[in-house]
Amino acid sequence: MSACQNTFLDLDPQDQQTDAVYFKKASDFKSYTAGMYSQLMGWSSPYGGNSIYNYMDCYSDLSAPTLVSFGSDVGRGTLTVPTSDNRWGNNYGFIRTANILLGKATAYSGSQDDINQYVGEAYFFRANAYFNLLKFFGGVPIVTSVLDTNSSELKAPRNSRYEVTDQILSDLKNAINRLPTEQSIPSGDKGRISKWAAEAFKARVLLYEATWRKYNGTATDFDGSKGPQSDQINDFLDESIRLSKDVMDNGGYSLWNHNDDSKMANMSNWYLFNLEDAGSNPGGYTKTSNNEFILYGVYDVTLRPGGQNLSHTVGLMYPSRKIVDMPVCTDGLPIGKSSLFQGYHKVGDEFKNRDRRLIDYICGGTITTSVTLNSGTPGYTNYKFSAYKYGTYRTDNTESANYPIIRLAEVHLNYAEALYERYGSITDDQLNESINKLRARAGVSNLTNALVSNNGLDMLTEIRRERTVELYMEGFRFDDLKRWGMAESALNPSRCGMVVGDASYTTAFKDATGNATSNYVPTTFVWGEEKVQTGAGSLECVVIDATSNHNFAKKDYLWPIPQDQINVNSNLKQNPGYK
């Protein structure tokens, strides 16, 4: 072996990524952070066995599920203490991953400028993991260094939600100061987090926590939780407004709206969510045309397919009576106020002269005129996220549209809501630069202060209506109901389907004598019928999930701490209401 040179014998191992050979070059930091992107929500959930469908508002007040049960424990208020929970364990794993890079960055011998972007990404991902924990559990132990088996932090008590929020906001400040703008990210790196994405995310966090505190106070805090040192609600709202405005004005993003293309048939709100290559829509648009998604999971039918039986499954996540009645008519008025609303006498009438989002999300772009209520289902079908020409263009498990994590539409909604929550008013100009851009794409008249005052409406209710309709199925509804302090009143009533009427209000399902027609088999609806408020008054509707199944309470605003964590750390106090 005397012929061997030392340079050969001392080569760093090339097949292993150890501390001896890693984090020595800026490219090592880049590669390491690339692996963090799997932590983001996508068609494959970052929580393993917890399916992505658990995070699509199923079993909320907007969903009337029959054949699927995703999220039933949340929607019905039947949460119990689990043995373990990936929502806890995986997020702490993500935090450890970020802490490793942040620790190595302080020891990096090269220029900090070369790794600044990747340090910023690590701060973002740590903030994202803590925000997930905050939404699920409230206050949790804060860990900002890499622990070993002897670390005292392993037995640390929970920090309060207020301390966790401060940590999230601090991390996001560090991320924003280091991340590049979208405009400066090379084409080969598109999909990586930009400064604008971090700003939009921070605006989301600020609005979430400000409204949580405003409408819930300390009602969900665990025993002994340390409260806020000062009232930060207005400060949070002010910063949320500022950051949202910065993204809107300077981010370079725009709503994906090709309704001026006759081939698209005013269906941009549908095609946006199944956009792939030129075959994914009749206009031949590809993902490169999408400048609305600010942060997204990147998918490709060959390189990274979605791998979910998506179109089939979302078709079973049935819309409820509530979400069908919520979108306004084309004159901008709710259906109970608009002379354009056609009622429920004939199948399809309720969709006429309505918001395009209703027609795209619920009807797949074409108003249905024939329905038979004979299977216990609500009579409505969800089409959001389903593929164009499903079965031919895309078959099961091949749908591979990018997954929207943050999009410009949400930023517009956050901006409008934060303004109204902060000041109790919003100008028409502010509505025009935010919500009314969404309404224009949806083919409805502007929301204005005059429209509200002249028709006895409430502006905050209308802003929340826009949010609910626009972000339907995108995983916001449960969090919104809880931060608005109205989850009990929204989630405990029955989930209903189509109006079947009675002798005084005939439909395709009941004649003038109140008897069922051939289009309706009442015996398939085990929960029967119920009178609920609709756009045409209080009418009989089929019940898909009865109020007797629901017992949502304040304790259900947070998940219970998993028992295995309490077993190893007796200093962890359980959330209120759980044993």
Protein backbone atom coordinates (compact mmCIF):
# COMPACT_ATOMS: atom_id res chain seq x y z
CA MET A 1 0.00 0.00 0.00
CA SER A 2 3.08 2.22 -0.04
CA ALA A 3 2.12 3.40 -3.52
CA CYS A 4 -1.13 4.97 -2.25
CA GLN A 5 -1.10 8.69 -1.70
CA ASN A 6 -2.42 10.25 1.50
CA THR A 7 -4.82 12.38 -0.51
CA PHE A 8 -6.52 9.16 -1.62
CA LEU A 9 -6.62 7.57 1.81
CA ASP A 10 -7.92 10.72 3.50
CA LEU A 11 -10.76 11.42 1.11
CA ASP A 12 -14.00 12.44 2.86
CA PRO A 13 -16.67 9.76 2.46
CA GLN A 14 -18.78 10.64 -0.57
CA ASP A 15 -21.67 8.31 0.16
CA GLN A 16 -22.49 9.67 3.62
CA GLN A 17 -23.61 13.09 4.78
CA THR A 18 -21.89 13.46 8.15
CA ASP A 19 -20.82 16.51 10.10
CA ALA A 20 -17.28 15.77 8.96
CA VAL A 21 -18.08 16.49 5.34
CA TYR A 22 -21.31 18.47 5.42
CA PHE A 23 -22.10 22.17 5.97
CA LYS A 24 -18.67 23.04 4.61
CA LYS A 25 -19.93 24.72 1.42
CA ALA A 26 -22.86 26.99 0.64
CA SER A 27 -24.20 24.27 -1.67
CA ASP A 28 -24.45 21.96 1.37
CA PHE A 29 -26.79 24.43 3.06
CA LYS A 30 -28.83 24.71 -0.13
CA SER A 31 -29.18 20.94 -0.48
CA TYR A 32 -30.08 20.55 3.18
CA THR A 33 -32.87 23.13 3.04
CA ALA A 34 -34.23 21.56 -0.14
CA GLY A 35 -35.15 18.56 1.98
CA MET A 36 -37.22 20.78 4.26
CA TYR A 37 -39.81 21.46 1.58
CA SER A 38 -41.44 18.09 2.25
CA GLN A 39 -42.53 19.61 5.58
CA LEU A 40 -45.05 21.79 3.76
CA MET A 41 -48.59 20.65 3.19
CA GLY A 42 -49.04 19.03 -0.18
CA TRP A 43 -50.85 16.14 -1.82
CA SER A 44 -48.80 14.00 0.54
CA SER A 45 -49.45 15.22 4.07
CA PRO A 46 -46.35 15.95 6.18
CA TYR A 47 -48.02 14.05 9.01
CA GLY A 48 -47.74 10.62 7.46
CA GLY A 49 -50.84 8.57 8.13
CA ASN A 50 -52.98 11.69 8.53
CA SER A 51 -54.29 12.06 4.99
CA ILE A 52 -54.29 15.36 3.11
CA TYR A 53 -58.07 15.07 3.02
CA ASN A 54 -58.15 15.70 6.77
CA TYR A 55 -57.01 19.23 5.93
CA MET A 56 -59.57 20.07 3.23
CA ASP A 57 -62.46 21.25 5.45
CA CYS A 58 -64.21 17.90 5.32
CA TYR A 59 -66.78 17.60 8.14
CA SER A 60 -66.76 21.36 8.65
CA ASP A 61 -70.02 23.28 8.34
CA LEU A 62 -69.31 23.49 4.59
CA SER A 63 -69.20 19.75 4.08
CA ALA A 64 -71.94 17.12 4.27
CA PRO A 65 -69.92 13.89 4.12
CA THR A 66 -71.55 10.52 3.61
CA LEU A 67 -68.96 8.16 2.15
CA VAL A 68 -65.82 9.63 3.74
CA SER A 69 -65.09 10.52 7.35
CA PHE A 70 -61.99 12.71 7.17
CA GLY A 71 -62.01 15.20 10.03
CA SER A 72 -65.13 13.74 11.67
CA ASP A 73 -63.61 13.95 15.17
CA VAL A 74 -62.98 17.67 14.72
CA GLY A 75 -66.29 18.50 13.07
CA ARG A 76 -68.36 16.55 15.58
CA GLY A 77 -66.41 17.50 18.69
CA THR A 78 -65.38 13.96 19.59
CA LEU A 79 -61.65 14.54 20.13
CA THR A 80 -60.08 12.31 22.78
CA VAL A 81 -56.54 12.03 24.13
CA PRO A 82 -54.55 9.91 21.65
CA THR A 83 -51.70 7.61 22.52
CA SER A 84 -49.52 9.47 20.03
CA ASP A 85 -49.98 12.17 17.42
CA ASN A 86 -47.81 12.88 14.41
CA ARG A 87 -48.92 16.49 14.53
CA TRP A 88 -46.77 16.79 17.64
CA GLY A 89 -43.90 14.44 16.86
CA ASN A 90 -43.37 15.38 13.23
CA ASN A 91 -43.41 19.11 13.89
CA TYR A 92 -40.77 18.74 16.58
CA GLY A 93 -38.76 16.70 14.10
CA PHE A 94 -39.06 19.59 11.64
CA ILE A 95 -37.93 22.02 14.36
CA ARG A 96 -34.88 19.86 15.07
CA THR A 97 -34.02 19.85 11.36
CA ALA A 98 -34.09 23.66 11.29
CA ASN A 99 -32.12 23.93 14.53
CA ILE A 100 -29.33 21.76 13.07
CA LEU A 101 -28.84 24.13 10.15
CA LEU A 102 -29.09 27.26 12.27
CA GLY A 103 -26.46 25.87 14.63
CA LYS A 104 -24.14 24.96 11.76
CA ALA A 105 -24.60 28.38 10.19
CA THR A 106 -23.04 30.09 13.20
CA ALA A 107 -19.91 27.96 12.75
CA TYR A 108 -19.71 28.35 8.96
CA SER A 109 -16.25 29.58 7.99
CA GLY A 110 -17.28 30.99 4.63
CA SER A 111 -19.14 34.18 3.87
CA GLN A 112 -22.47 34.45 5.65
CA ASP A 113 -23.82 36.20 2.57
CA ASP A 114 -23.47 32.93 0.66
CA ILE A 115 -25.76 31.05 3.06
CA ASN A 116 -28.11 33.86 4.07
CA GLN A 117 -30.98 32.59 1.92
CA TYR A 118 -30.78 29.09 3.37
CA VAL A 119 -30.59 30.37 6.94
CA GLY A 120 -33.70 32.40 6.12
CA GLU A 121 -35.43 29.27 4.87
CA ALA A 122 -34.57 27.44 8.08
CA TYR A 123 -36.09 30.25 10.13
CA PHE A 124 -39.21 30.06 7.96
CA PHE A 125 -39.58 26.32 8.38
CA ARG A 126 -39.10 26.53 12.12
CA ALA A 127 -41.78 29.22 12.26
CA ASN A 128 -44.07 27.07 10.13
CA ALA A 129 -43.67 24.10 12.47
CA TYR A 130 -44.36 26.20 15.55
CA PHE A 131 -47.42 27.74 13.90
CA ASN A 132 -48.74 24.26 13.19
CA LEU A 133 -48.20 23.35 16.85
CA LEU A 134 -49.86 26.58 17.97
CA LYS A 135 -52.96 25.88 15.88
CA PHE A 136 -53.19 22.27 17.01
CA PHE A 137 -52.19 22.50 20.68
CA GLY A 138 -51.83 26.14 21.75
CA GLY A 139 -48.74 26.72 23.90
CA VAL A 140 -45.95 24.15 23.56
CA PRO A 141 -42.32 23.87 24.74
CA ILE A 142 -40.00 26.11 22.76
CA VAL A 143 -36.77 24.48 21.59
CA THR A 144 -34.23 26.54 19.66
CA SER A 145 -31.15 24.31 19.85
CA VAL A 146 -30.29 20.72 19.01
CA LEU A 147 -31.07 18.48 21.98
CA ASP A 148 -29.51 15.22 23.07
CA THR A 149 -30.82 12.59 25.47
CA ASN A 150 -29.50 14.50 28.49
CA SER A 151 -30.90 17.93 27.57
CA SER A 152 -32.94 19.53 30.33
CA GLU A 153 -35.38 20.86 27.73
CA LEU A 154 -36.77 17.37 27.34
CA LYS A 155 -38.50 17.84 30.70
CA ALA A 156 -39.43 21.47 30.14
CA PRO A 157 -42.99 22.67 30.79
CA ARG A 158 -45.13 24.15 28.06
CA ASN A 159 -44.54 27.73 27.02
CA SER A 160 -47.68 29.82 26.67
CA ARG A 161 -49.30 30.47 23.29
CA TYR A 162 -48.13 34.07 23.67
CA GLU A 163 -44.48 33.04 23.99
CA VAL A 164 -44.85 30.64 21.06
CA THR A 165 -46.38 33.42 18.96
CA ASP A 166 -43.48 35.72 19.81
CA GLN A 167 -41.05 32.98 18.75
CA ILE A 168 -42.86 32.49 15.44
CA LEU A 169 -42.86 36.22 14.70
CA SER A 170 -39.17 36.52 15.61
CA ASP A 171 -38.26 33.64 13.30
CA LEU A 172 -40.29 35.15 10.47
CA LYS A 173 -38.59 38.51 10.93
CA ASN A 174 -35.24 36.75 10.58
CA ALA A 175 -36.51 34.91 7.52
CA ILE A 176 -37.82 38.05 5.80
CA ASN A 177 -34.50 39.84 6.34
CA ARG A 178 -32.59 37.04 4.61
CA LEU A 179 -34.82 35.70 1.84
CA PRO A 180 -34.68 36.92 -1.78
CA THR A 181 -37.58 38.51 -3.59
CA GLU A 182 -39.47 36.31 -6.02
CA GLN A 183 -38.11 38.38 -8.89
CA SER A 184 -34.52 37.49 -8.00
CA ILE A 185 -35.01 33.73 -7.64
CA PRO A 186 -33.56 31.94 -10.71
CA SER A 187 -35.98 29.96 -12.87
CA GLY A 188 -34.35 26.71 -11.80
CA ASP A 189 -35.10 27.49 -8.17
CA LYS A 190 -38.71 28.60 -8.57
CA GLY A 191 -40.81 27.15 -5.80
CA ARG A 192 -38.30 28.07 -3.11
CA ILE A 193 -39.50 30.48 -0.43
CA SER A 194 -39.26 34.17 -1.23
CA LYS A 195 -39.32 37.23 0.99
CA TRP A 196 -42.89 37.81 -0.17
CA ALA A 197 -43.93 34.31 0.89
CA ALA A 198 -42.50 34.92 4.36
CA GLU A 199 -44.27 38.28 4.56
CA ALA A 200 -47.57 36.76 3.45
CA PHE A 201 -47.17 33.95 5.96
CA LYS A 202 -46.35 36.37 8.76
CA ALA A 203 -49.46 38.39 7.86
CA ARG A 204 -51.48 35.16 8.14
CA VAL A 205 -50.01 34.39 11.57
CA LEU A 206 -50.63 37.93 12.83
CA LEU A 207 -54.26 37.95 11.71
CA TYR A 208 -54.82 34.48 13.16
CA GLU A 209 -53.44 35.33 16.59
CA ALA A 210 -54.99 38.81 16.77
CA THR A 211 -58.47 37.51 16.09
CA TRP A 212 -57.98 34.47 18.34
CA ARG A 213 -57.18 36.79 21.23
CA LYS A 214 -59.97 39.20 20.29
CA TYR A 215 -62.72 36.59 20.19
CA ASN A 216 -61.43 33.89 22.57
CA GLY A 217 -59.32 35.75 25.09
CA THR A 218 -57.65 33.28 27.45
CA ALA A 219 -60.52 30.76 27.38
CA THR A 220 -58.39 28.02 25.81
CA ASP A 221 -55.19 28.58 27.81
CA PHE A 222 -53.92 25.63 29.83
CA ASP A 223 -53.76 25.89 33.62
CA GLY A 224 -50.91 28.14 34.70
CA SER A 225 -50.27 29.50 31.21
CA LYS A 226 -48.43 32.81 31.22
CA GLY A 227 -50.59 35.46 29.60
CA PRO A 228 -49.52 38.22 27.20
CA GLN A 229 -47.42 41.00 28.68
CA SER A 230 -49.43 43.61 26.79
CA ASP A 231 -52.39 43.86 24.48
CA GLN A 232 -50.81 43.17 21.10
CA ILE A 233 -54.01 42.79 19.06
CA ASN A 234 -53.91 46.16 17.33
CA ASP A 235 -50.16 45.96 16.76
CA PHE A 236 -50.60 42.55 15.16
CA LEU A 237 -53.40 43.79 12.91
CA ASP A 238 -51.42 46.85 11.85
CA GLU A 239 -48.45 44.71 10.85
CA SER A 240 -50.66 42.21 9.05
CA ILE A 241 -52.12 45.07 7.01
CA ARG A 242 -48.67 46.47 6.21
CA LEU A 243 -47.18 43.14 5.16
CA SER A 244 -50.19 42.16 3.07
CA LYS A 245 -50.07 45.53 1.28
CA ASP A 246 -46.36 45.12 0.61
CA VAL A 247 -46.93 41.74 -1.03
CA MET A 248 -49.89 43.07 -3.03
CA ASP A 249 -48.01 46.14 -4.25
CA ASN A 250 -44.46 44.86 -4.69
CA GLY A 251 -44.56 41.08 -4.94
CA GLY A 252 -45.30 41.07 -8.66
CA TYR A 253 -48.11 38.52 -8.26
CA SER A 254 -51.47 38.61 -10.02
CA LEU A 255 -54.70 36.65 -9.92
CA TRP A 256 -54.88 33.86 -12.49
CA ASN A 257 -57.78 35.11 -14.58
CA HIS A 258 -58.28 34.01 -18.17
CA ASN A 259 -62.01 34.57 -18.33
CA ASP A 260 -61.45 36.86 -21.30
CA ASP A 261 -60.47 33.74 -23.29
CA SER A 262 -63.70 32.34 -24.73
CA LYS A 263 -62.26 28.81 -24.64
CA MET A 264 -62.07 29.04 -20.84
CA ALA A 265 -65.83 29.69 -20.52
CA ASN A 266 -65.37 31.92 -17.44
CA MET A 267 -64.04 28.94 -15.49
CA SER A 268 -60.69 30.30 -14.28
CA ASN A 269 -61.72 29.57 -10.69
CA TRP A 270 -61.84 25.87 -11.52
CA TYR A 271 -58.89 25.47 -13.87
CA LEU A 272 -56.56 27.27 -11.46
CA PHE A 273 -56.72 24.28 -9.11
CA ASN A 274 -56.04 21.56 -11.69
CA LEU A 275 -53.51 23.49 -13.77
CA GLU A 276 -50.74 21.29 -15.16
CA ASP A 277 -49.61 21.23 -18.80
CA ALA A 278 -51.47 22.52 -21.86
CA GLY A 279 -53.82 19.53 -21.74
CA SER A 280 -55.20 20.48 -18.32
CA ASN A 281 -57.57 23.13 -19.68
CA PRO A 282 -59.17 24.09 -23.00
CA GLY A 283 -57.09 27.27 -23.24
CA GLY A 284 -53.81 25.38 -23.29
CA TYR A 285 -52.38 27.22 -20.27
CA THR A 286 -49.53 25.68 -18.29
CA LYS A 287 -48.16 26.14 -14.78
CA THR A 288 -45.82 28.84 -16.08
CA SER A 289 -48.88 31.07 -16.54
CA ASN A 290 -49.71 30.90 -12.83
CA ASN A 291 -48.48 34.01 -11.04
CA GLU A 292 -51.02 33.72 -8.23
CA PHE A 293 -49.38 31.01 -6.12
CA ILE A 294 -46.84 32.60 -3.78
CA LEU A 295 -45.78 29.39 -2.03
CA TYR A 296 -46.76 26.00 -3.34
CA GLY A 297 -45.90 22.33 -3.38
CA VAL A 298 -44.22 21.59 -6.70
CA TYR A 299 -45.57 18.52 -8.52
CA ASP A 300 -45.03 16.95 -11.91
CA VAL A 301 -46.79 13.94 -13.42
CA THR A 302 -43.40 12.34 -14.21
CA LEU A 303 -40.93 13.73 -11.68
CA ARG A 304 -43.19 14.08 -8.65
CA PRO A 305 -46.75 12.89 -9.25
CA GLY A 306 -49.46 13.82 -6.79
CA GLY A 307 -50.04 10.17 -5.94
CA GLN A 308 -53.56 10.71 -4.63
CA ASN A 309 -56.84 9.35 -5.93
CA LEU A 310 -57.75 13.02 -6.00
CA SER A 311 -60.58 13.57 -8.46
CA HIS A 312 -62.48 10.55 -7.20
CA THR A 313 -62.08 11.40 -3.51
CA VAL A 314 -62.90 15.12 -3.64
CA GLY A 315 -66.06 14.13 -5.52
CA LEU A 316 -67.13 12.31 -2.36
CA MET A 317 -66.51 15.34 -0.14
CA TYR A 318 -70.01 16.66 -0.57
CA PRO A 319 -70.83 20.37 -0.21
CA SER A 320 -73.44 21.30 2.38
CA ARG A 321 -76.54 23.42 2.01
CA LYS A 322 -74.63 26.20 3.80
CA ILE A 323 -71.82 26.61 1.28
CA VAL A 324 -74.23 26.39 -1.65
CA ASP A 325 -76.33 29.24 -0.23
CA MET A 326 -73.36 31.39 0.77
CA PRO A 327 -72.08 32.79 -2.59
CA VAL A 328 -73.79 35.98 -3.72
CA CYS A 329 -75.75 36.69 -6.89
CA THR A 330 -74.20 38.56 -9.80
CA ASP A 331 -75.55 41.86 -8.44
CA GLY A 332 -73.29 41.35 -5.42
CA LEU A 333 -76.12 40.67 -2.98
CA PRO A 334 -76.68 37.56 -0.83
CA ILE A 335 -79.40 35.29 -2.16
CA GLY A 336 -81.83 36.31 0.56
CA LYS A 337 -81.53 39.95 -0.57
CA SER A 338 -81.20 39.66 -4.34
CA SER A 339 -84.07 39.81 -6.83
CA LEU A 340 -81.91 37.73 -9.16
CA PHE A 341 -82.10 34.62 -7.01
CA GLN A 342 -84.28 31.99 -8.70
CA GLY A 343 -85.09 29.79 -5.72
CA TYR A 344 -85.26 25.98 -5.55
CA HIS A 345 -88.41 24.96 -7.40
CA LYS A 346 -86.46 23.40 -10.29
CA VAL A 347 -83.11 21.65 -10.05
CA GLY A 348 -80.44 24.10 -11.14
CA ASP A 349 -82.44 27.26 -10.45
CA GLU A 350 -80.44 28.02 -7.33
CA PHE A 351 -77.23 28.26 -9.40
CA LYS A 352 -78.56 30.81 -11.88
CA ASN A 353 -77.24 34.39 -11.70
CA ARG A 354 -74.74 33.34 -9.05
CA ASP A 355 -71.06 33.74 -8.20
CA ARG A 356 -68.87 31.80 -10.67
CA ARG A 357 -67.00 30.18 -7.77
CA LEU A 358 -70.17 28.35 -6.81
CA ILE A 359 -70.67 27.08 -10.34
CA ASP A 360 -67.01 26.13 -10.75
CA TYR A 361 -66.42 24.55 -7.35
CA ILE A 362 -69.78 22.78 -6.98
CA CYS A 363 -70.98 22.24 -10.56
CA GLY A 364 -67.69 21.80 -12.38
CA GLY A 365 -68.58 24.78 -14.56
CA THR A 366 -71.90 23.44 -15.84
CA ILE A 367 -75.18 23.90 -13.98
CA THR A 368 -76.81 20.57 -13.20
CA THR A 369 -80.51 20.42 -14.11
CA SER A 370 -81.32 16.86 -13.08
CA VAL A 371 -80.74 15.22 -9.70
CA THR A 372 -82.22 12.16 -8.01
CA LEU A 373 -82.01 12.07 -4.23
CA ASN A 374 -81.87 8.33 -3.70
CA SER A 375 -78.59 7.53 -1.98
CA GLY A 376 -78.54 9.56 1.22
CA THR A 377 -76.22 12.15 -0.36
CA PRO A 378 -76.93 15.90 -0.43
CA GLY A 379 -77.45 16.22 -4.17
CA TYR A 380 -74.33 18.36 -4.62
CA THR A 381 -70.88 17.31 -5.79
CA ASN A 382 -67.53 18.93 -5.12
CA TYR A 383 -65.36 19.63 -8.18
CA LYS A 384 -62.62 21.81 -6.71
CA PHE A 385 -59.22 20.16 -7.30
CA SER A 386 -60.69 17.56 -9.66
CA ALA A 387 -58.93 17.11 -13.00
CA TYR A 388 -60.12 18.37 -16.37
CA LYS A 389 -61.29 15.40 -18.45
CA TYR A 390 -60.78 13.11 -15.48
CA GLY A 391 -60.51 9.52 -16.67
CA THR A 392 -58.83 10.43 -19.94
CA TYR A 393 -56.45 13.38 -19.50
CA ARG A 394 -55.76 12.32 -15.91
CA THR A 395 -56.61 9.02 -14.27
CA ASP A 396 -56.55 8.00 -10.62
CA ASN A 397 -53.38 8.94 -8.74
CA THR A 398 -51.84 10.87 -11.64
CA GLU A 399 -53.30 14.33 -10.97
CA SER A 400 -50.24 16.53 -10.36
CA ALA A 401 -51.24 20.18 -10.14
CA ASN A 402 -49.12 22.28 -7.80
CA TYR A 403 -50.55 22.45 -4.29
CA PRO A 404 -51.44 26.00 -3.14
CA ILE A 405 -49.97 26.85 0.27
CA ILE A 406 -50.12 30.65 0.00
CA ARG A 407 -51.77 32.42 -2.90
CA LEU A 408 -52.46 36.05 -3.67
CA ALA A 409 -56.21 35.64 -3.17
CA GLU A 410 -55.62 34.85 0.50
CA VAL A 411 -53.40 37.91 0.87
CA HIS A 412 -56.22 40.10 -0.48
CA LEU A 413 -58.61 38.53 2.02
CA ASN A 414 -56.20 38.88 4.95
CA TYR A 415 -55.67 42.53 4.09
CA ALA A 416 -59.39 43.34 4.00
CA GLU A 417 -60.19 41.41 7.17
CA ALA A 418 -57.29 42.88 9.15
CA LEU A 419 -58.33 46.39 8.10
CA TYR A 420 -61.88 45.92 9.27
CA GLU A 421 -60.90 44.18 12.48
CA ARG A 422 -58.46 46.99 13.28
CA TYR A 423 -60.52 50.03 12.39
CA GLY A 424 -64.13 48.85 12.19
CA SER A 425 -64.32 50.16 8.64
CA ILE A 426 -62.84 49.71 5.18
CA THR A 427 -62.95 52.14 2.27
CA ASP A 428 -64.22 51.34 -1.21
CA ASP A 429 -60.72 51.92 -2.55
CA GLN A 430 -59.35 49.32 -0.13
CA LEU A 431 -62.08 46.90 -1.17
CA ASN A 432 -61.24 47.53 -4.82
CA GLU A 433 -57.57 46.67 -4.33
CA SER A 434 -58.40 43.44 -2.52
CA ILE A 435 -61.76 41.64 -2.34
CA ASN A 436 -63.28 43.18 -5.45
CA LYS A 437 -60.51 41.71 -7.59
CA LEU A 438 -61.74 38.28 -6.49
CA ARG A 439 -65.35 39.22 -7.14
CA ALA A 440 -64.44 40.43 -10.64
CA ARG A 441 -62.98 37.03 -11.48
CA ALA A 442 -66.11 35.44 -10.02
CA GLY A 443 -68.36 37.59 -12.22
CA VAL A 444 -70.17 39.47 -9.46
CA SER A 445 -70.57 43.17 -8.69
CA ASN A 446 -68.27 44.97 -6.29
CA LEU A 447 -68.66 44.92 -2.54
CA THR A 448 -69.09 48.56 -1.52
CA ASN A 449 -70.05 50.45 1.60
CA ALA A 450 -73.20 51.64 -0.17
CA LEU A 451 -74.18 48.07 -1.06
CA VAL A 452 -73.83 47.12 2.58
CA SER A 453 -75.66 50.09 4.08
CA ASN A 454 -78.45 50.20 1.48
CA ASN A 455 -79.31 46.53 1.93
CA GLY A 456 -79.03 46.10 5.68
CA LEU A 457 -75.84 44.03 5.46
CA ASP A 458 -72.88 43.79 7.82
CA MET A 459 -69.46 44.49 6.29
CA LEU A 460 -67.54 42.04 8.49
CA THR A 461 -70.01 39.29 7.60
CA GLU A 462 -69.53 40.04 3.91
CA ILE A 463 -65.73 40.00 4.23
CA ARG A 464 -65.92 36.64 5.98
CA ARG A 465 -68.34 35.40 3.30
CA GLU A 466 -65.77 36.23 0.62
CA ARG A 467 -63.07 34.39 2.53
CA THR A 468 -65.24 31.33 3.03
CA VAL A 469 -66.28 31.08 -0.61
CA GLU A 470 -62.86 31.83 -2.14
CA LEU A 471 -60.86 29.50 0.14
CA TYR A 472 -63.40 26.65 0.22
CA MET A 473 -61.65 23.26 0.54
CA GLU A 474 -58.21 24.83 1.07
CA GLY A 475 -57.97 23.98 4.76
CA PHE A 476 -58.87 27.29 6.37
CA ARG A 477 -62.42 26.76 7.61
CA PHE A 478 -61.87 25.04 10.97
CA ASP A 479 -59.15 27.53 11.92
CA ASP A 480 -61.29 30.48 10.85
CA LEU A 481 -64.31 29.35 12.86
CA LYS A 482 -62.15 28.87 15.95
CA ARG A 483 -60.27 32.16 15.73
CA TRP A 484 -63.61 33.96 15.23
CA GLY A 485 -64.90 32.25 18.39
CA MET A 486 -67.91 30.83 16.56
CA ALA A 487 -67.05 27.17 16.02
CA GLU A 488 -69.73 25.90 18.42
CA SER A 489 -72.56 27.76 16.69
CA ALA A 490 -71.30 26.80 13.22
CA LEU A 491 -70.41 23.14 13.75
CA ASN A 492 -73.21 21.84 15.97
CA PRO A 493 -76.23 22.35 13.65
CA SER A 494 -77.16 19.60 11.17
CA ARG A 495 -75.43 19.34 7.80
CA CYS A 496 -78.15 19.53 5.19
CA GLY A 497 -78.41 18.95 1.48
CA MET A 498 -80.85 20.02 -1.21
CA VAL A 499 -84.17 21.71 -0.55
CA VAL A 500 -86.97 19.18 -0.98
CA GLY A 501 -89.76 21.54 0.02
CA ASP A 502 -93.32 20.59 0.93
CA ALA A 503 -96.87 21.18 -0.27
CA SER A 504 -96.44 24.93 0.09
CA TYR A 505 -93.08 24.99 -1.71
CA THR A 506 -92.99 22.46 -4.51
CA THR A 507 -89.72 21.19 -5.93
CA ALA A 508 -88.55 18.40 -8.20
CA PHE A 509 -88.62 16.23 -5.09
CA LYS A 510 -92.08 16.97 -3.64
CA ASP A 511 -95.33 17.77 -5.43
CA ALA A 512 -98.19 20.08 -4.46
CA THR A 513 -99.53 17.48 -2.02
CA GLY A 514 -96.19 17.25 -0.24
CA ASN A 515 -95.58 13.71 -1.47
CA ALA A 516 -92.20 12.55 -2.73
CA THR A 517 -91.72 12.35 -6.49
CA SER A 518 -89.77 9.68 -8.36
CA ASN A 519 -86.66 11.88 -7.98
CA TYR A 520 -86.62 11.45 -4.21
CA VAL A 521 -86.37 8.34 -2.03
CA PRO A 522 -86.81 9.63 1.56
CA THR A 523 -85.96 6.27 3.16
CA THR A 524 -82.33 6.61 2.05
CA PHE A 525 -81.92 9.60 4.37
CA VAL A 526 -81.61 8.13 7.84
CA TRP A 527 -81.72 11.57 9.48
CA GLY A 528 -84.82 12.61 7.58
CA GLU A 529 -85.58 16.24 6.81
CA GLU A 530 -85.21 19.50 8.66
CA LYS A 531 -86.41 23.05 8.12
CA VAL A 532 -83.49 25.42 7.76
CA GLN A 533 -83.11 29.02 6.69
CA THR A 534 -82.42 29.29 2.95
CA GLY A 535 -82.42 31.99 0.32
CA ALA A 536 -86.18 31.55 0.01
CA GLY A 537 -87.03 31.38 3.70
CA SER A 538 -87.27 28.42 6.06
CA LEU A 539 -87.64 25.28 3.91
CA GLU A 540 -87.46 21.51 4.29
CA CYS A 541 -84.06 20.05 3.34
CA VAL A 542 -82.61 16.57 3.50
CA VAL A 543 -80.33 15.99 6.49
CA ILE A 544 -76.97 14.34 5.88
CA ASP A 545 -75.51 14.57 9.37
CA ALA A 546 -77.87 15.37 12.25
CA THR A 547 -77.23 17.86 15.02
CA SER A 548 -77.53 15.01 17.51
CA ASN A 549 -74.15 13.76 16.23
CA HIS A 550 -72.43 17.02 17.13
CA ASN A 551 -71.16 18.16 20.51
CA PHE A 552 -68.47 20.69 19.65
CA ALA A 553 -67.32 22.68 22.70
CA LYS A 554 -64.65 25.21 23.60
CA LYS A 555 -62.26 22.42 24.55
CA ASP A 556 -62.30 21.27 20.92
CA TYR A 557 -60.65 24.50 19.79
CA LEU A 558 -57.36 22.77 20.62
CA TRP A 559 -56.22 19.17 20.28
CA PRO A 560 -55.23 17.21 23.40
CA ILE A 561 -51.54 16.70 24.14
CA PRO A 562 -50.77 13.06 23.17
CA GLN A 563 -50.40 10.72 26.13
CA ASP A 564 -46.96 9.41 25.14
CA GLN A 565 -45.55 12.93 25.48
CA ILE A 566 -47.05 13.38 28.95
CA ASN A 567 -45.69 9.95 29.94
CA VAL A 568 -42.11 11.00 29.16
CA ASN A 569 -42.52 14.57 30.44
CA SER A 570 -44.79 14.91 33.45
CA ASN A 571 -44.31 18.69 33.36
CA LEU A 572 -46.56 18.94 30.29
CA LYS A 573 -49.99 20.11 31.38
CA GLN A 574 -52.96 18.83 29.38
CA ASN A 575 -55.24 21.22 27.51
CA PRO A 576 -58.48 22.21 29.31
CA GLY A 577 -61.33 19.70 29.10
CA TYR A 578 -59.22 16.58 28.44
CA LYS A 579 -58.31 13.84 30.90
